Amino acid sequence: MTKDTQVDDMDTPELPANLAFLRRLVTALTIIMIGGVVTVVALLVIRLNSDPAPLPLPDRVTLPDGTTATAFTVGSDWYAVVTADDQILIFDQVTGTIRQTIVLD
């Protein structure tokens, strides 16, 4: 190697201590932020690809046999349950009996 192509330690200036610290700090923060973004994306992918949890219904709601609830809402004196077979069952809030059944097309 010739003298012209050889890199000498004296050719590269030493950074001041506070600037070197800032450089390490920015590098560490960049790595942490990349890790955080990767973690959030991974959690979103896992959560969105998982099966939905079963709908927790109040204890007082008794569905007919063979029906599975997909949605639940409460009105002033009624509550409604949307079933997996595309029906809306409207119950009386006091007695718990079915007032009306609506079949969705």
PDB file of N, CA and C in Angstrom:
ATOM      1  N   MET A   1       0.830  -1.174   0.000  1.00  0.00           N
ATOM      2  CA  MET A   1       0.000   0.000   0.000  1.00  0.00           C
ATOM      3  C   MET A   1       0.878   1.243   0.000  1.00  0.00           C
ATOM      4  N   THR A   2       0.495   2.176  -0.797  1.00  0.00           N
ATOM      5  CA  THR A   2       1.287   3.402  -0.851  1.00  0.00           C
ATOM      6  C   THR A   2       0.817   4.354   0.217  1.00  0.00           C
ATOM      7  N   LYS A   3       1.573   5.350   0.408  1.00  0.00           N
ATOM      8  CA  LYS A   3       1.269   6.363   1.422  1.00  0.00           C
ATOM      9  C   LYS A   3       0.007   7.136   1.052  1.00  0.00           C
ATOM     10  N   ASP A   4      -0.304   7.288  -0.257  1.00  0.00           N
ATOM     11  CA  ASP A   4      -1.460   8.068  -0.698  1.00  0.00           C
ATOM     12  C   ASP A   4      -2.777   7.345  -0.407  1.00  0.00           C
ATOM     13  N   THR A   5      -2.814   6.033  -0.484  1.00  0.00           N
ATOM     14  CA  THR A   5      -4.056   5.296  -0.285  1.00  0.00           C
ATOM     15  C   THR A   5      -4.248   4.841   1.147  1.00  0.00           C
ATOM     16  N   GLN A   6      -3.226   4.970   1.949  1.00  0.00           N
ATOM     17  CA  GLN A   6      -3.310   4.526   3.330  1.00  0.00           C
ATOM     18  C   GLN A   6      -4.069   5.563   4.158  1.00  0.00           C
ATOM     19  N   VAL A   7      -5.025   5.081   4.956  1.00  0.00           N
ATOM     20  CA  VAL A   7      -5.799   5.980   5.805  1.00  0.00           C
ATOM     21  C   VAL A   7      -5.078   6.102   7.131  1.00  0.00           C
ATOM     22  N   ASP A   8      -4.836   7.289   7.499  1.00  0.00           N
ATOM     23  CA  ASP A   8      -4.114   7.541   8.741  1.00  0.00           C
ATOM     24  C   ASP A   8      -5.104   8.009   9.794  1.00  0.00           C
ATOM     25  N   ASP A   9      -4.887   7.636  11.019  1.00  0.00           N
ATOM     26  CA  ASP A   9      -5.767   8.065  12.102  1.00  0.00           C
ATOM     27  C   ASP A   9      -5.762   9.572  12.273  1.00  0.00           C
ATOM     28  N   MET A  10      -4.733  10.218  11.867  1.00  0.00           N
ATOM     29  CA  MET A  10      -4.645  11.664  12.027  1.00  0.00           C
ATOM     30  C   MET A  10      -5.481  12.403  10.985  1.00  0.00           C
ATOM     31  N   ASP A  11      -5.857  11.724   9.885  1.00  0.00           N
ATOM     32  CA  ASP A  11      -6.641  12.380   8.840  1.00  0.00           C
ATOM     33  C   ASP A  11      -8.099  12.582   9.242  1.00  0.00           C
ATOM     34  N   THR A  12      -8.656  11.726  10.112  1.00  0.00           N
ATOM     35  CA  THR A  12     -10.048  11.862  10.534  1.00  0.00           C
ATOM     36  C   THR A  12     -10.083  12.595  11.863  1.00  0.00           C
ATOM     37  N   PRO A  13     -10.763  13.724  11.887  1.00  0.00           N
ATOM     38  CA  PRO A  13     -10.789  14.489  13.142  1.00  0.00           C
ATOM     39  C   PRO A  13     -11.664  13.798  14.194  1.00  0.00           C
ATOM     40  N   GLU A  14     -11.309  13.933  15.416  1.00  0.00           N
ATOM     41  CA  GLU A  14     -12.058  13.374  16.549  1.00  0.00           C
ATOM     42  C   GLU A  14     -13.262  14.276  16.830  1.00  0.00           C
ATOM     43  N   LEU A  15     -14.441  13.654  17.028  1.00  0.00           N
ATOM     44  CA  LEU A  15     -15.639  14.423  17.329  1.00  0.00           C
ATOM     45  C   LEU A  15     -15.594  14.883  18.787  1.00  0.00           C
ATOM     46  N   PRO A  16     -16.152  16.062  19.065  1.00  0.00           N
ATOM     47  CA  PRO A  16     -16.241  16.472  20.469  1.00  0.00           C
ATOM     48  C   PRO A  16     -17.118  15.488  21.250  1.00  0.00           C
ATOM     49  N   ALA A  17     -16.913  15.417  22.541  1.00  0.00           N
ATOM     50  CA  ALA A  17     -17.601  14.430  23.380  1.00  0.00           C
ATOM     51  C   ALA A  17     -19.119  14.594  23.327  1.00  0.00           C
ATOM     52  N   ASN A  18     -19.605  15.819  23.381  1.00  0.00           N
ATOM     53  CA  ASN A  18     -21.058  16.017  23.366  1.00  0.00           C
ATOM     54  C   ASN A  18     -21.659  15.650  22.010  1.00  0.00           C
ATOM     55  N   LEU A  19     -20.926  15.836  20.924  1.00  0.00           N
ATOM     56  CA  LEU A  19     -21.415  15.474  19.605  1.00  0.00           C
ATOM     57  C   LEU A  19     -21.400  13.956  19.403  1.00  0.00           C
ATOM     58  N   ALA A  20     -20.411  13.294  19.934  1.00  0.00           N
ATOM     59  CA  ALA A  20     -20.359  11.832  19.863  1.00  0.00           C
ATOM     60  C   ALA A  20     -21.508  11.225  20.674  1.00  0.00           C
ATOM     61  N   PHE A  21     -21.787  11.805  21.843  1.00  0.00           N
ATOM     62  CA  PHE A  21     -22.907  11.341  22.670  1.00  0.00           C
ATOM     63  C   PHE A  21     -24.228  11.538  21.932  1.00  0.00           C
ATOM     64  N   LEU A  22     -24.390  12.673  21.300  1.00  0.00           N
ATOM     65  CA  LEU A  22     -25.612  12.950  20.543  1.00  0.00           C
ATOM     66  C   LEU A  22     -25.768  11.979  19.381  1.00  0.00           C
ATOM     67  N   ARG A  23     -24.693  11.643  18.727  1.00  0.00           N
ATOM     68  CA  ARG A  23     -24.732  10.697  17.624  1.00  0.00           C
ATOM     69  C   ARG A  23     -25.163   9.311  18.111  1.00  0.00           C
ATOM     70  N   ARG A  24     -24.621   8.854  19.237  1.00  0.00           N
ATOM     71  CA  ARG A  24     -25.020   7.562  19.802  1.00  0.00           C
ATOM     72  C   ARG A  24     -26.473   7.597  20.252  1.00  0.00           C
ATOM     73  N   LEU A  25     -26.904   8.707  20.817  1.00  0.00           N
ATOM     74  CA  LEU A  25     -28.274   8.841  21.286  1.00  0.00           C
ATOM     75  C   LEU A  25     -29.263   8.780  20.121  1.00  0.00           C
ATOM     76  N   VAL A  26     -28.983   9.463  19.044  1.00  0.00           N
ATOM     77  CA  VAL A  26     -29.858   9.441  17.873  1.00  0.00           C
ATOM     78  C   VAL A  26     -29.904   8.039  17.275  1.00  0.00           C
ATOM     79  N   THR A  27     -28.777   7.370  17.223  1.00  0.00           N
ATOM     80  CA  THR A  27     -28.752   5.999  16.704  1.00  0.00           C
ATOM     81  C   THR A  27     -29.583   5.071  17.584  1.00  0.00           C
ATOM     82  N   ALA A  28     -29.456   5.179  18.906  1.00  0.00           N
ATOM     83  CA  ALA A  28     -30.226   4.337  19.829  1.00  0.00           C
ATOM     84  C   ALA A  28     -31.725   4.622  19.694  1.00  0.00           C
ATOM     85  N   LEU A  29     -32.098   5.879  19.617  1.00  0.00           N
ATOM     86  CA  LEU A  29     -33.507   6.225  19.481  1.00  0.00           C
ATOM     87  C   LEU A  29     -34.077   5.737  18.150  1.00  0.00           C
ATOM     88  N   THR A  30     -33.302   5.776  17.098  1.00  0.00           N
ATOM     89  CA  THR A  30     -33.749   5.272  15.806  1.00  0.00           C
ATOM     90  C   THR A  30     -34.017   3.774  15.870  1.00  0.00           C
ATOM     91  N   ILE A  31     -33.110   3.036  16.508  1.00  0.00           N
ATOM     92  CA  ILE A  31     -33.291   1.587  16.651  1.00  0.00           C
ATOM     93  C   ILE A  31     -34.523   1.280  17.492  1.00  0.00           C
ATOM     94  N   ILE A  32     -34.729   2.023  18.567  1.00  0.00           N
ATOM     95  CA  ILE A  32     -35.900   1.810  19.427  1.00  0.00           C
ATOM     96  C   ILE A  32     -37.192   2.110  18.674  1.00  0.00           C
ATOM     97  N   MET A  33     -37.216   3.192  17.886  1.00  0.00           N
ATOM     98  CA  MET A  33     -38.421   3.531  17.130  1.00  0.00           C
ATOM     99  C   MET A  33     -38.723   2.493  16.052  1.00  0.00           C
ATOM    100  N   ILE A  34     -37.706   1.990  15.390  1.00  0.00           N
ATOM    101  CA  ILE A  34     -37.922   0.941  14.394  1.00  0.00           C
ATOM    102  C   ILE A  34     -38.486  -0.303  15.062  1.00  0.00           C
ATOM    103  N   GLY A  35     -37.934  -0.668  16.208  1.00  0.00           N
ATOM    104  CA  GLY A  35     -38.464  -1.810  16.956  1.00  0.00           C
ATOM    105  C   GLY A  35     -39.904  -1.599  17.382  1.00  0.00           C
ATOM    106  N   GLY A  36     -40.255  -0.394  17.800  1.00  0.00           N
ATOM    107  CA  GLY A  36     -41.627  -0.093  18.198  1.00  0.00           C
ATOM    108  C   GLY A  36     -42.597  -0.186  17.035  1.00  0.00           C
ATOM    109  N   VAL A  37     -42.212   0.332  15.891  1.00  0.00           N
ATOM    110  CA  VAL A  37     -43.079   0.266  14.719  1.00  0.00           C
ATOM    111  C   VAL A  37     -43.275  -1.181  14.282  1.00  0.00           C
ATOM    112  N   VAL A  38     -42.203  -1.970  14.290  1.00  0.00           N
ATOM    113  CA  VAL A  38     -42.313  -3.383  13.923  1.00  0.00           C
ATOM    114  C   VAL A  38     -43.238  -4.111  14.902  1.00  0.00           C
ATOM    115  N   THR A  39     -43.121  -3.799  16.196  1.00  0.00           N
ATOM    116  CA  THR A  39     -43.980  -4.427  17.204  1.00  0.00           C
ATOM    117  C   THR A  39     -45.445  -4.069  16.993  1.00  0.00           C
ATOM    118  N   VAL A  40     -45.749  -2.803  16.757  1.00  0.00           N
ATOM    119  CA  VAL A  40     -47.133  -2.373  16.539  1.00  0.00           C
ATOM    120  C   VAL A  40     -47.715  -3.034  15.291  1.00  0.00           C
ATOM    121  N   VAL A  41     -46.952  -3.080  14.215  1.00  0.00           N
ATOM    122  CA  VAL A  41     -47.441  -3.718  12.986  1.00  0.00           C
ATOM    123  C   VAL A  41     -47.680  -5.202  13.224  1.00  0.00           C
ATOM    124  N   ALA A  42     -46.771  -5.866  13.919  1.00  0.00           N
ATOM    125  CA  ALA A  42     -46.952  -7.297  14.196  1.00  0.00           C
ATOM    126  C   ALA A  42     -48.183  -7.539  15.054  1.00  0.00           C
ATOM    127  N   LEU A  43     -48.406  -6.722  16.070  1.00  0.00           N
ATOM    128  CA  LEU A  43     -49.589  -6.883  16.918  1.00  0.00           C
ATOM    129  C   LEU A  43     -50.878  -6.631  16.136  1.00  0.00           C
ATOM    130  N   LEU A  44     -50.872  -5.642  15.255  1.00  0.00           N
ATOM    131  CA  LEU A  44     -52.054  -5.385  14.424  1.00  0.00           C
ATOM    132  C   LEU A  44     -52.348  -6.563  13.501  1.00  0.00           C
ATOM    133  N   VAL A  45     -51.316  -7.112  12.884  1.00  0.00           N
ATOM    134  CA  VAL A  45     -51.514  -8.252  11.984  1.00  0.00           C
ATOM    135  C   VAL A  45     -52.051  -9.448  12.759  1.00  0.00           C
ATOM    136  N   ILE A  46     -51.498  -9.712  13.929  1.00  0.00           N
ATOM    137  CA  ILE A  46     -51.957 -10.835  14.745  1.00  0.00           C
ATOM    138  C   ILE A  46     -53.403 -10.620  15.170  1.00  0.00           C
ATOM    139  N   ARG A  47     -53.723  -9.416  15.624  1.00  0.00           N
ATOM    140  CA  ARG A  47     -55.066  -9.132  16.125  1.00  0.00           C
ATOM    141  C   ARG A  47     -56.114  -9.174  15.013  1.00  0.00           C
ATOM    142  N   LEU A  48     -55.797  -8.620  13.856  1.00  0.00           N
ATOM    143  CA  LEU A  48     -56.771  -8.568  12.772  1.00  0.00           C
ATOM    144  C   LEU A  48     -56.961  -9.912  12.098  1.00  0.00           C
ATOM    145  N   ASN A  49     -55.994 -10.814  12.188  1.00  0.00           N
ATOM    146  CA  ASN A  49     -56.123 -12.129  11.577  1.00  0.00           C
ATOM    147  C   ASN A  49     -56.704 -13.169  12.522  1.00  0.00           C
ATOM    148  N   SER A  50     -56.906 -12.831  13.777  1.00  0.00           N
ATOM    149  CA  SER A  50     -57.436 -13.806  14.728  1.00  0.00           C
ATOM    150  C   SER A  50     -58.960 -13.886  14.608  1.00  0.00           C
ATOM    151  N   ASP A  51     -59.507 -14.998  15.077  1.00  0.00           N
ATOM    152  CA  ASP A  51     -60.958 -15.164  15.083  1.00  0.00           C
ATOM    153  C   ASP A  51     -61.571 -14.208  16.100  1.00  0.00           C
ATOM    154  N   PRO A  52     -62.735 -13.640  15.782  1.00  0.00           N
ATOM    155  CA  PRO A  52     -63.353 -12.724  16.742  1.00  0.00           C
ATOM    156  C   PRO A  52     -63.794 -13.475  17.996  1.00  0.00           C
ATOM    157  N   ALA A  53     -63.701 -12.786  19.098  1.00  0.00           N
ATOM    158  CA  ALA A  53     -64.113 -13.380  20.367  1.00  0.00           C
ATOM    159  C   ALA A  53     -65.635 -13.495  20.402  1.00  0.00           C
ATOM    160  N   PRO A  54     -66.152 -14.507  21.094  1.00  0.00           N
ATOM    161  CA  PRO A  54     -67.609 -14.606  21.196  1.00  0.00           C
ATOM    162  C   PRO A  54     -68.178 -13.400  21.937  1.00  0.00           C
ATOM    163  N   LEU A  55     -69.374 -13.019  21.527  1.00  0.00           N
ATOM    164  CA  LEU A  55     -70.024 -11.844  22.095  1.00  0.00           C
ATOM    165  C   LEU A  55     -70.488 -12.130  23.515  1.00  0.00           C
ATOM    166  N   PRO A  56     -70.027 -11.370  24.494  1.00  0.00           N
ATOM    167  CA  PRO A  56     -70.513 -11.588  25.863  1.00  0.00           C
ATOM    168  C   PRO A  56     -71.896 -10.957  26.043  1.00  0.00           C
ATOM    169  N   LEU A  57     -72.882 -11.767  26.278  1.00  0.00           N
ATOM    170  CA  LEU A  57     -74.245 -11.282  26.491  1.00  0.00           C
ATOM    171  C   LEU A  57     -74.532 -11.231  27.981  1.00  0.00           C
ATOM    172  N   PRO A  58     -75.433 -10.341  28.394  1.00  0.00           N
ATOM    173  CA  PRO A  58     -75.851 -10.341  29.795  1.00  0.00           C
ATOM    174  C   PRO A  58     -76.499 -11.680  30.166  1.00  0.00           C
ATOM    175  N   ASP A  59     -76.450 -12.027  31.436  1.00  0.00           N
ATOM    176  CA  ASP A  59     -76.986 -13.308  31.910  1.00  0.00           C
ATOM    177  C   ASP A  59     -78.481 -13.440  31.669  1.00  0.00           C
ATOM    178  N   ARG A  60     -79.189 -12.332  31.672  1.00  0.00           N
ATOM    179  CA  ARG A  60     -80.653 -12.397  31.532  1.00  0.00           C
ATOM    180  C   ARG A  60     -81.108 -12.715  30.117  1.00  0.00           C
ATOM    181  N   VAL A  61     -80.191 -12.636  29.119  1.00  0.00           N
ATOM    182  CA  VAL A  61     -80.551 -12.909  27.728  1.00  0.00           C
ATOM    183  C   VAL A  61     -80.505 -14.413  27.495  1.00  0.00           C
ATOM    184  N   THR A  62     -81.630 -14.970  27.105  1.00  0.00           N
ATOM    185  CA  THR A  62     -81.717 -16.390  26.776  1.00  0.00           C
ATOM    186  C   THR A  62     -82.086 -16.514  25.311  1.00  0.00           C
ATOM    187  N   LEU A  63     -81.172 -17.037  24.516  1.00  0.00           N
ATOM    188  CA  LEU A  63     -81.410 -17.182  23.084  1.00  0.00           C
ATOM    189  C   LEU A  63     -82.056 -18.520  22.790  1.00  0.00           C
ATOM    190  N   PRO A  64     -82.832 -18.588  21.714  1.00  0.00           N
ATOM    191  CA  PRO A  64     -83.371 -19.887  21.282  1.00  0.00           C
ATOM    192  C   PRO A  64     -82.216 -20.845  20.958  1.00  0.00           C
ATOM    193  N   ASP A  65     -82.485 -22.137  21.057  1.00  0.00           N
ATOM    194  CA  ASP A  65     -81.457 -23.141  20.791  1.00  0.00           C
ATOM    195  C   ASP A  65     -80.923 -23.028  19.372  1.00  0.00           C
ATOM    196  N   GLY A  66     -79.622 -23.163  19.221  1.00  0.00           N
ATOM    197  CA  GLY A  66     -78.993 -23.155  17.909  1.00  0.00           C
ATOM    198  C   GLY A  66     -78.673 -21.787  17.360  1.00  0.00           C
ATOM    199  N   THR A  67     -78.929 -20.721  18.106  1.00  0.00           N
ATOM    200  CA  THR A  67     -78.620 -19.378  17.607  1.00  0.00           C
ATOM    201  C   THR A  67     -77.353 -18.866  18.279  1.00  0.00           C
ATOM    202  N   THR A  68     -76.600 -18.109  17.521  1.00  0.00           N
ATOM    203  CA  THR A  68     -75.370 -17.499  18.006  1.00  0.00           C
ATOM    204  C   THR A  68     -75.473 -15.996  17.819  1.00  0.00           C
ATOM    205  N   ALA A  69     -75.200 -15.248  18.847  1.00  0.00           N
ATOM    206  CA  ALA A  69     -75.305 -13.790  18.780  1.00  0.00           C
ATOM    207  C   ALA A  69     -74.060 -13.191  18.129  1.00  0.00           C
ATOM    208  N   THR A  70     -74.279 -12.205  17.258  1.00  0.00           N
ATOM    209  CA  THR A  70     -73.171 -11.457  16.670  1.00  0.00           C
ATOM    210  C   THR A  70     -73.192  -9.987  17.074  1.00  0.00           C
ATOM    211  N   ALA A  71     -74.351  -9.494  17.537  1.00  0.00           N
ATOM    212  CA  ALA A  71     -74.455  -8.109  17.988  1.00  0.00           C
ATOM    213  C   ALA A  71     -75.570  -8.012  19.018  1.00  0.00           C
ATOM    214  N   PHE A  72     -75.461  -6.992  19.865  1.00  0.00           N
ATOM    215  CA  PHE A  72     -76.421  -6.798  20.947  1.00  0.00           C
ATOM    216  C   PHE A  72     -76.597  -5.311  21.162  1.00  0.00           C
ATOM    217  N   THR A  73     -77.860  -4.869  21.331  1.00  0.00           N
ATOM    218  CA  THR A  73     -78.122  -3.467  21.622  1.00  0.00           C
ATOM    219  C   THR A  73     -79.317  -3.365  22.567  1.00  0.00           C
ATOM    220  N   VAL A  74     -79.368  -2.255  23.303  1.00  0.00           N
ATOM    221  CA  VAL A  74     -80.416  -2.062  24.312  1.00  0.00           C
ATOM    222  C   VAL A  74     -81.176  -0.785  23.992  1.00  0.00           C
ATOM    223  N   GLY A  75     -82.514  -0.866  24.058  1.00  0.00           N
ATOM    224  CA  GLY A  75     -83.379   0.292  23.895  1.00  0.00           C
ATOM    225  C   GLY A  75     -83.990   0.670  25.229  1.00  0.00           C
ATOM    226  N   SER A  76     -85.015   1.516  25.200  1.00  0.00           N
ATOM    227  CA  SER A  76     -85.638   1.994  26.437  1.00  0.00           C
ATOM    228  C   SER A  76     -86.358   0.878  27.183  1.00  0.00           C
ATOM    229  N   ASP A  77     -87.136   0.058  26.477  1.00  0.00           N
ATOM    230  CA  ASP A  77     -87.841  -1.050  27.128  1.00  0.00           C
ATOM    231  C   ASP A  77     -87.670  -2.353  26.357  1.00  0.00           C
ATOM    232  N   TRP A  78     -86.628  -2.441  25.551  1.00  0.00           N
ATOM    233  CA  TRP A  78     -86.371  -3.626  24.744  1.00  0.00           C
ATOM    234  C   TRP A  78     -84.872  -3.812  24.586  1.00  0.00           C
ATOM    235  N   TYR A  79     -84.475  -4.967  24.156  1.00  0.00           N
ATOM    236  CA  TYR A  79     -83.104  -5.198  23.703  1.00  0.00           C
ATOM    237  C   TYR A  79     -83.166  -6.108  22.489  1.00  0.00           C
ATOM    238  N   ALA A  80     -82.177  -5.965  21.628  1.00  0.00           N
ATOM    239  CA  ALA A  80     -82.164  -6.717  20.373  1.00  0.00           C
ATOM    240  C   ALA A  80     -80.861  -7.491  20.251  1.00  0.00           C
ATOM    241  N   VAL A  81     -80.988  -8.669  19.661  1.00  0.00           N
ATOM    242  CA  VAL A  81     -79.827  -9.522  19.406  1.00  0.00           C
ATOM    243  C   VAL A  81     -79.836  -9.861  17.921  1.00  0.00           C
ATOM    244  N   VAL A  82     -78.710  -9.595  17.259  1.00  0.00           N
ATOM    245  CA  VAL A  82     -78.548 -10.005  15.869  1.00  0.00           C
ATOM    246  C   VAL A  82     -77.864 -11.359  15.894  1.00  0.00           C
ATOM    247  N   THR A  83     -78.437 -12.316  15.181  1.00  0.00           N
ATOM    248  CA  THR A  83     -77.906 -13.675  15.205  1.00  0.00           C
ATOM    249  C   THR A  83     -77.046 -13.947  13.975  1.00  0.00           C
ATOM    250  N   ALA A  84     -76.289 -15.032  14.036  1.00  0.00           N
ATOM    251  CA  ALA A  84     -75.398 -15.403  12.936  1.00  0.00           C
ATOM    252  C   ALA A  84     -76.174 -15.816  11.690  1.00  0.00           C
ATOM    253  N   ASP A  85     -77.430 -16.246  11.851  1.00  0.00           N
ATOM    254  CA  ASP A  85     -78.235 -16.625  10.688  1.00  0.00           C
ATOM    255  C   ASP A  85     -79.091 -15.465  10.171  1.00  0.00           C
ATOM    256  N   ASP A  86     -78.625 -14.240  10.354  1.00  0.00           N
ATOM    257  CA  ASP A  86     -79.220 -13.015   9.817  1.00  0.00           C
ATOM    258  C   ASP A  86     -80.652 -12.780  10.269  1.00  0.00           C
ATOM    259  N   GLN A  87     -80.861 -12.858  11.561  1.00  0.00           N
ATOM    260  CA  GLN A  87     -82.146 -12.503  12.158  1.00  0.00           C
ATOM    261  C   GLN A  87     -81.890 -11.485  13.264  1.00  0.00           C
ATOM    262  N   ILE A  88     -82.872 -10.620  13.472  1.00  0.00           N
ATOM    263  CA  ILE A  88     -82.839  -9.702  14.605  1.00  0.00           C
ATOM    264  C   ILE A  88     -83.956 -10.127  15.540  1.00  0.00           C
ATOM    265  N   LEU A  89     -83.580 -10.494  16.753  1.00  0.00           N
ATOM    266  CA  LEU A  89     -84.557 -10.896  17.761  1.00  0.00           C
ATOM    267  C   LEU A  89     -84.717  -9.743  18.737  1.00  0.00           C
ATOM    268  N   ILE A  90     -85.944  -9.214  18.838  1.00  0.00           N
ATOM    269  CA  ILE A  90     -86.218  -8.103  19.737  1.00  0.00           C
ATOM    270  C   ILE A  90     -86.954  -8.663  20.951  1.00  0.00           C
ATOM    271  N   PHE A  91     -86.359  -8.468  22.119  1.00  0.00           N
ATOM    272  CA  PHE A  91     -86.890  -9.001  23.364  1.00  0.00           C
ATOM    273  C   PHE A  91     -87.487  -7.880  24.207  1.00  0.00           C
ATOM    274  N   ASP A  92     -88.477  -8.213  25.013  1.00  0.00           N
ATOM    275  CA  ASP A  92     -89.012  -7.292  26.007  1.00  0.00           C
ATOM    276  C   ASP A  92     -88.026  -7.264  27.168  1.00  0.00           C
ATOM    277  N   GLN A  93     -87.698  -6.063  27.652  1.00  0.00           N
ATOM    278  CA  GLN A  93     -86.678  -5.948  28.683  1.00  0.00           C
ATOM    279  C   GLN A  93     -87.173  -6.435  30.046  1.00  0.00           C
ATOM    280  N   VAL A  94     -88.446  -6.323  30.303  1.00  0.00           N
ATOM    281  CA  VAL A  94     -88.986  -6.717  31.604  1.00  0.00           C
ATOM    282  C   VAL A  94     -89.208  -8.225  31.673  1.00  0.00           C
ATOM    283  N   THR A  95     -89.893  -8.776  30.674  1.00  0.00           N
ATOM    284  CA  THR A  95     -90.249 -10.197  30.726  1.00  0.00           C
ATOM    285  C   THR A  95     -89.208 -11.101  30.079  1.00  0.00           C
ATOM    286  N   GLY A  96     -88.403 -10.595  29.158  1.00  0.00           N
ATOM    287  CA  GLY A  96     -87.412 -11.404  28.471  1.00  0.00           C
ATOM    288  C   GLY A  96     -87.971 -12.230  27.333  1.00  0.00           C
ATOM    289  N   THR A  97     -89.221 -12.000  26.970  1.00  0.00           N
ATOM    290  CA  THR A  97     -89.832 -12.753  25.869  1.00  0.00           C
ATOM    291  C   THR A  97     -89.555 -12.041  24.545  1.00  0.00           C
ATOM    292  N   ILE A  98     -89.606 -12.808  23.471  1.00  0.00           N
ATOM    293  CA  ILE A  98     -89.362 -12.246  22.143  1.00  0.00           C
ATOM    294  C   ILE A  98     -90.592 -11.460  21.704  1.00  0.00           C
ATOM    295  N   ARG A  99     -90.404 -10.190  21.415  1.00  0.00           N
ATOM    296  CA  ARG A  99     -91.480  -9.341  20.911  1.00  0.00           C
ATOM    297  C   ARG A  99     -91.618  -9.489  19.400  1.00  0.00           C
ATOM    298  N   GLN A 100     -90.468  -9.512  18.715  1.00  0.00           N
ATOM    299  CA  GLN A 100     -90.514  -9.506  17.262  1.00  0.00           C
ATOM    300  C   GLN A 100     -89.254 -10.179  16.723  1.00  0.00           C
ATOM    301  N   THR A 101     -89.407 -10.835  15.598  1.00  0.00           N
ATOM    302  CA  THR A 101     -88.269 -11.427  14.878  1.00  0.00           C
ATOM    303  C   THR A 101     -88.245 -10.841  13.476  1.00  0.00           C
ATOM    304  N   ILE A 102     -87.103 -10.286  13.115  1.00  0.00           N
ATOM    305  CA  ILE A 102     -86.938  -9.682  11.791  1.00  0.00           C
ATOM    306  C   ILE A 102     -85.908 -10.516  11.041  1.00  0.00           C
ATOM    307  N   VAL A 103     -86.287 -11.003   9.865  1.00  0.00           N
ATOM    308  CA  VAL A 103     -85.368 -11.781   9.032  1.00  0.00           C
ATOM    309  C   VAL A 103     -84.725 -10.835   8.030  1.00  0.00           C
ATOM    310  N   LEU A 104     -83.413 -10.787   8.022  1.00  0.00           N
ATOM    311  CA  LEU A 104     -82.689  -9.937   7.077  1.00  0.00           C
ATOM    312  C   LEU A 104     -82.477 -10.664   5.779  1.00  0.00           C
ATOM    313  N   ASP A 105     -82.653  -9.957   4.677  1.00  0.00           N
ATOM    314  CA  ASP A 105     -82.475 -10.570   3.346  1.00  0.00           C
ATOM    315  C   ASP A 105     -81.040 -10.497   2.911  1.00  0.00           C
TER     316      ASP A 105
END
